[in-house]
Protein backbone atom coordinates (compact mmCIF):
# COMPACT_ATOMS: atom_id res chain seq x y z
CA UNK A 1 9.80 18.62 -7.19
CA UNK A 2 9.30 15.11 -5.85
CA UNK A 3 10.99 14.26 -2.54
CA UNK A 4 11.98 10.60 -2.33
CA UNK A 5 13.39 8.46 0.47
CA UNK A 6 14.63 5.57 -1.66
CA UNK A 7 14.00 3.68 -4.89
CA UNK A 8 15.12 0.23 -6.03
CA UNK A 9 14.03 -2.95 -7.77
CA UNK A 10 12.93 -5.68 -5.38
CA UNK A 11 10.35 -8.38 -4.76
CA UNK A 12 6.98 -7.14 -3.53
CA UNK A 13 6.53 -8.23 0.05
CA UNK A 14 2.81 -7.64 0.46
CA UNK A 15 -0.58 -8.17 -1.13
CA UNK A 16 -1.94 -7.96 -3.74
CA UNK A 17 1.29 -8.50 -5.72
CA UNK A 18 3.32 -10.43 -3.16
CA UNK A 19 6.29 -12.16 -4.78
CA UNK A 20 6.19 -10.03 -7.94
CA UNK A 21 9.28 -8.08 -9.07
CA UNK A 22 8.63 -4.36 -8.65
CA UNK A 23 10.31 -0.99 -8.93
CA UNK A 24 9.66 0.47 -5.47
CA UNK A 25 9.65 4.24 -5.10
CA UNK A 26 9.22 5.45 -1.53
CA UNK A 27 8.12 9.07 -1.24
CA UNK A 28 8.99 11.21 1.75
CA UNK A 29 6.51 12.45 4.33
CA UNK A 30 3.32 11.18 5.91
CA UNK A 31 0.23 12.76 7.43
CA UNK A 32 -0.17 9.95 9.98
CA UNK A 33 1.95 8.64 12.82
CA UNK A 34 1.08 4.98 13.38
CA UNK A 35 2.25 3.26 16.53
CA UNK A 36 3.38 0.21 14.57
CA UNK A 37 4.94 2.06 11.61
CA UNK A 38 7.98 0.15 10.37
CA UNK A 39 9.27 2.93 8.12
CA UNK A 40 11.35 5.07 10.47
CA UNK A 41 13.03 6.77 7.49
CA UNK A 42 9.74 8.02 6.02
CA UNK A 43 10.61 11.71 6.60
CA UNK A 44 14.06 11.51 5.01
CA UNK A 45 14.65 13.26 1.70
CA UNK A 46 17.53 11.49 -0.02
CA UNK A 47 16.55 12.09 -3.66
CA UNK A 48 14.78 15.03 -5.30
CA UNK A 49 13.49 14.62 -8.85
CA UNK A 50 11.33 16.56 -11.23
CA UNK A 51 8.24 14.93 -12.70
CA UNK A 52 10.10 14.54 -16.01
CA UNK A 53 13.17 12.98 -14.39
CA UNK A 54 11.13 10.43 -12.45
CA UNK A 55 9.23 9.48 -15.59
CA UNK A 56 12.54 8.95 -17.43
CA UNK A 57 13.89 6.81 -14.59
CA UNK A 58 10.78 4.63 -14.62
CA UNK A 59 11.02 4.19 -18.41
CA UNK A 60 14.72 3.31 -18.18
CA UNK A 61 14.16 0.79 -15.37
CA UNK A 62 11.17 -0.89 -16.98
CA UNK A 63 13.01 -1.17 -20.30
CA UNK A 64 15.34 -3.69 -18.62
CA UNK A 65 12.36 -5.74 -17.42
CA UNK A 66 9.13 -5.01 -19.34
CA UNK A 67 7.03 -7.03 -16.85
CA UNK A 68 8.18 -4.94 -13.90
CA UNK A 69 5.36 -3.27 -11.92
CA UNK A 70 5.91 0.13 -10.29
CA UNK A 71 5.00 0.63 -6.65
CA UNK A 72 4.50 4.13 -5.22
CA UNK A 73 4.66 3.95 -1.44
CA UNK A 74 5.76 5.98 1.55
CA UNK A 75 5.24 7.52 3.94
CA UNK A 76 2.18 8.63 2.05
CA UNK A 77 2.68 9.03 -1.71
CA UNK A 78 -0.54 11.00 -2.27
CA UNK A 79 0.26 14.04 -0.15
CA UNK A 80 -0.80 17.44 -1.46
CA UNK A 81 0.45 18.46 -4.94
CA UNK A 82 2.31 15.19 -5.37
CA UNK A 83 -1.03 13.40 -5.81
CA UNK A 84 -1.75 14.98 -9.21
CA UNK A 85 1.85 14.69 -10.39
CA UNK A 86 1.91 10.94 -9.78
CA UNK A 87 -1.38 10.49 -11.60
CA UNK A 88 0.05 12.38 -14.58
CA UNK A 89 3.06 10.06 -14.66
CA UNK A 90 0.83 6.98 -14.50
CA UNK A 91 -1.41 8.29 -17.27
CA UNK A 92 1.57 9.02 -19.52
CA UNK A 93 3.06 5.52 -19.07
CA UNK A 94 -0.03 3.55 -19.95
CA UNK A 95 1.87 0.37 -20.90
CA UNK A 96 3.13 -0.10 -17.31
CA UNK A 97 1.20 -1.28 -14.26
CA UNK A 98 1.32 1.00 -11.21
CA UNK A 99 0.35 0.24 -7.63
CA UNK A 100 -0.19 3.01 -5.08
CA UNK A 101 -0.01 2.11 -1.40
CA UNK A 102 -1.98 4.78 0.45
CA UNK A 103 -2.93 5.04 4.10
CA UNK A 104 -6.67 5.47 3.53
CA UNK A 105 -7.02 8.97 4.97
CA UNK A 106 -6.79 10.86 1.67
CA UNK A 107 -9.67 11.09 -0.84
CA UNK A 108 -8.64 9.50 -4.13
CA UNK A 109 -8.79 11.78 -7.16
CA UNK A 110 -8.86 9.49 -10.19
CA UNK A 111 -10.08 5.91 -10.26
CA UNK A 112 -10.46 5.70 -14.02
CA UNK A 113 -6.85 5.01 -14.95
CA UNK A 114 -6.79 1.41 -16.21
CA UNK A 115 -3.09 0.86 -15.37
CA UNK A 116 -3.37 2.17 -11.78
CA UNK A 117 -4.20 -0.04 -8.80
CA UNK A 118 -4.88 1.33 -5.32
CA UNK A 119 -3.82 -0.66 -2.25
CA UNK A 120 -5.68 1.21 0.47
CA UNK A 121 -4.89 0.76 4.13
CA UNK A 122 -7.62 0.96 6.76
CA UNK A 123 -5.89 1.77 10.03
CA UNK A 124 -6.90 -0.45 12.92
CA UNK A 125 -7.38 0.85 16.49
CA UNK A 126 -3.89 -0.36 17.44
CA UNK A 127 -2.42 2.13 14.93
CA UNK A 128 -3.33 4.90 17.38
CA UNK A 129 -4.41 7.46 14.80
CA UNK A 130 -7.08 10.11 15.29
CA UNK A 131 -7.35 10.67 11.53
CA UNK A 132 -9.96 8.29 10.19
CA UNK A 133 -10.52 6.44 6.96
CA UNK A 134 -11.84 8.53 4.06
CA UNK A 135 -15.18 6.76 3.69
CA UNK A 136 -15.94 8.47 0.38
CA UNK A 137 -13.29 6.20 -1.17
CA UNK A 138 -14.98 2.96 -0.18
CA UNK A 139 -17.69 2.66 -2.83
CA UNK A 140 -15.35 4.06 -5.51
CA UNK A 141 -12.72 1.35 -5.22
CA UNK A 142 -12.83 -1.06 -8.16
CA UNK A 143 -12.97 -4.72 -7.11
CA UNK A 144 -11.16 -5.83 -10.27
CA UNK A 145 -8.22 -3.47 -9.65
CA UNK A 146 -8.09 -2.15 -6.08
CA UNK A 147 -8.07 -3.65 -2.60
CA UNK A 148 -8.14 -2.87 1.10
CA UNK A 149 -5.46 -3.97 3.55
CA UNK A 150 -5.68 -4.01 7.35
CA UNK A 151 -2.63 -4.58 9.55
CA UNK A 152 -3.78 -6.26 12.74
CA UNK A 153 -2.74 -7.48 16.16
CA UNK A 154 -4.82 -9.53 18.64
CA UNK A 155 -6.44 -6.47 20.22
CA UNK A 156 -7.95 -5.51 16.84
CA UNK A 157 -9.74 -8.77 16.12
CA UNK A 158 -13.21 -7.97 17.47
CA UNK A 159 -13.15 -4.63 15.66
CA UNK A 160 -12.04 -6.39 12.46
CA UNK A 161 -15.17 -8.54 12.24
CA UNK A 162 -17.45 -5.50 12.41
CA UNK A 163 -15.45 -3.42 9.95
CA UNK A 164 -15.33 -6.24 7.38
CA UNK A 165 -19.13 -6.39 7.46
CA UNK A 166 -19.27 -2.63 6.96
CA UNK A 167 -16.85 -2.72 4.02
CA UNK A 168 -18.65 -5.52 2.21
CA UNK A 169 -22.01 -3.90 2.86
CA UNK A 170 -20.85 -0.95 0.76
CA UNK A 171 -18.53 -2.65 -1.75
CA UNK A 172 -19.39 -6.37 -1.63
CA UNK A 173 -16.87 -7.61 -4.21
CA UNK A 174 -13.84 -5.68 -2.92
CA UNK A 175 -10.81 -7.77 -1.97
CA UNK A 176 -9.73 -7.43 1.68
CA UNK A 177 -6.34 -8.53 2.99
CA UNK A 178 -5.43 -8.98 6.65
CA UNK A 179 -1.76 -8.77 7.56
CA UNK A 180 -0.34 -9.51 11.04
CA UNK A 181 1.71 -6.78 12.69
CA UNK A 182 5.36 -7.83 12.60
CA UNK A 183 6.39 -9.10 16.04
CA UNK A 184 2.88 -8.56 17.49
CA UNK A 185 0.88 -11.41 16.00
CA UNK A 186 1.85 -14.89 14.93
CA UNK A 187 1.04 -15.97 11.37
CA UNK A 188 -0.70 -19.11 12.59
CA UNK A 189 -2.82 -17.11 15.04
CA UNK A 190 -4.20 -14.85 12.32
CA UNK A 191 -4.69 -17.74 9.89
CA UNK A 192 -6.62 -19.70 12.52
CA UNK A 193 -8.77 -16.67 13.36
CA UNK A 194 -9.68 -16.15 9.69
CA UNK A 195 -10.62 -19.82 9.26
CA UNK A 196 -12.57 -20.23 12.50
CA UNK A 197 -14.57 -17.05 11.98
CA UNK A 198 -15.30 -17.72 8.29
CA UNK A 199 -13.97 -14.30 7.32
CA UNK A 200 -14.32 -13.43 3.60
CA UNK A 201 -10.76 -12.14 3.40
CA UNK A 202 -7.28 -13.20 2.27
CA UNK A 203 -4.19 -13.23 4.44
CA UNK A 204 -1.09 -11.26 3.57
CA UNK A 205 2.39 -11.50 5.04
CA UNK A 206 5.47 -9.29 4.87
CA UNK A 207 7.49 -11.53 2.59
CA UNK A 208 10.37 -9.07 2.27
CA UNK A 209 11.02 -9.29 6.01
CA UNK A 210 10.97 -13.07 5.88
CA UNK A 211 13.51 -13.01 3.02
CA UNK A 212 15.84 -10.22 4.16
CA UNK A 213 14.91 -9.50 7.76
CA UNK A 214 13.21 -6.42 9.21
CA UNK A 215 16.28 -4.15 9.16
CA UNK A 216 17.76 -4.47 5.68
CA UNK A 217 16.74 -1.86 3.12
CA UNK A 218 17.38 -1.39 -0.57
CA UNK A 219 16.61 -4.98 -1.49
């Protein structure tokens, strides 16, 4: 059974598909506890579906909007047995595009699915986690499909420069997005830092919070 916090159609708020209509499915539970986590409801279980039922719901929702992408997020969507179940769903719905937002601590099992894109977080020091990034994922990520995202505040900036060099030394064509922590770093400050330091990255923002605010959910 798949434990879900919430699911709804919305506009993607973050890279790499910022601004794109998506069907967001937020799975319950996470193996990390980040200081800056903005998903206080991540442990709630408000919906429980079988693999078959979730597949049917995705098909029904996408039928209304064939261009709709599906976003699996959390919490951490790739926890334990759920990891294989989600990959089975993605494989069976090959006409749809899926994006998996994962926290970077879990080894990825299948990077051959052409309709699956991994958005992998690399937790910065300000996240306060002892669990590190699963380095075995780094050279497996596909530059044409997957990306890395780092959520930063000013105290992370020196660390960021070193880690970007490390990432690109292993996977030189991989897209990297930097996103400012909400309420901790000004958009202009991060943009200026990227420009002045000639960083080979793109900047992401949390568009959904700009549109609807940081408290509203289900939109």
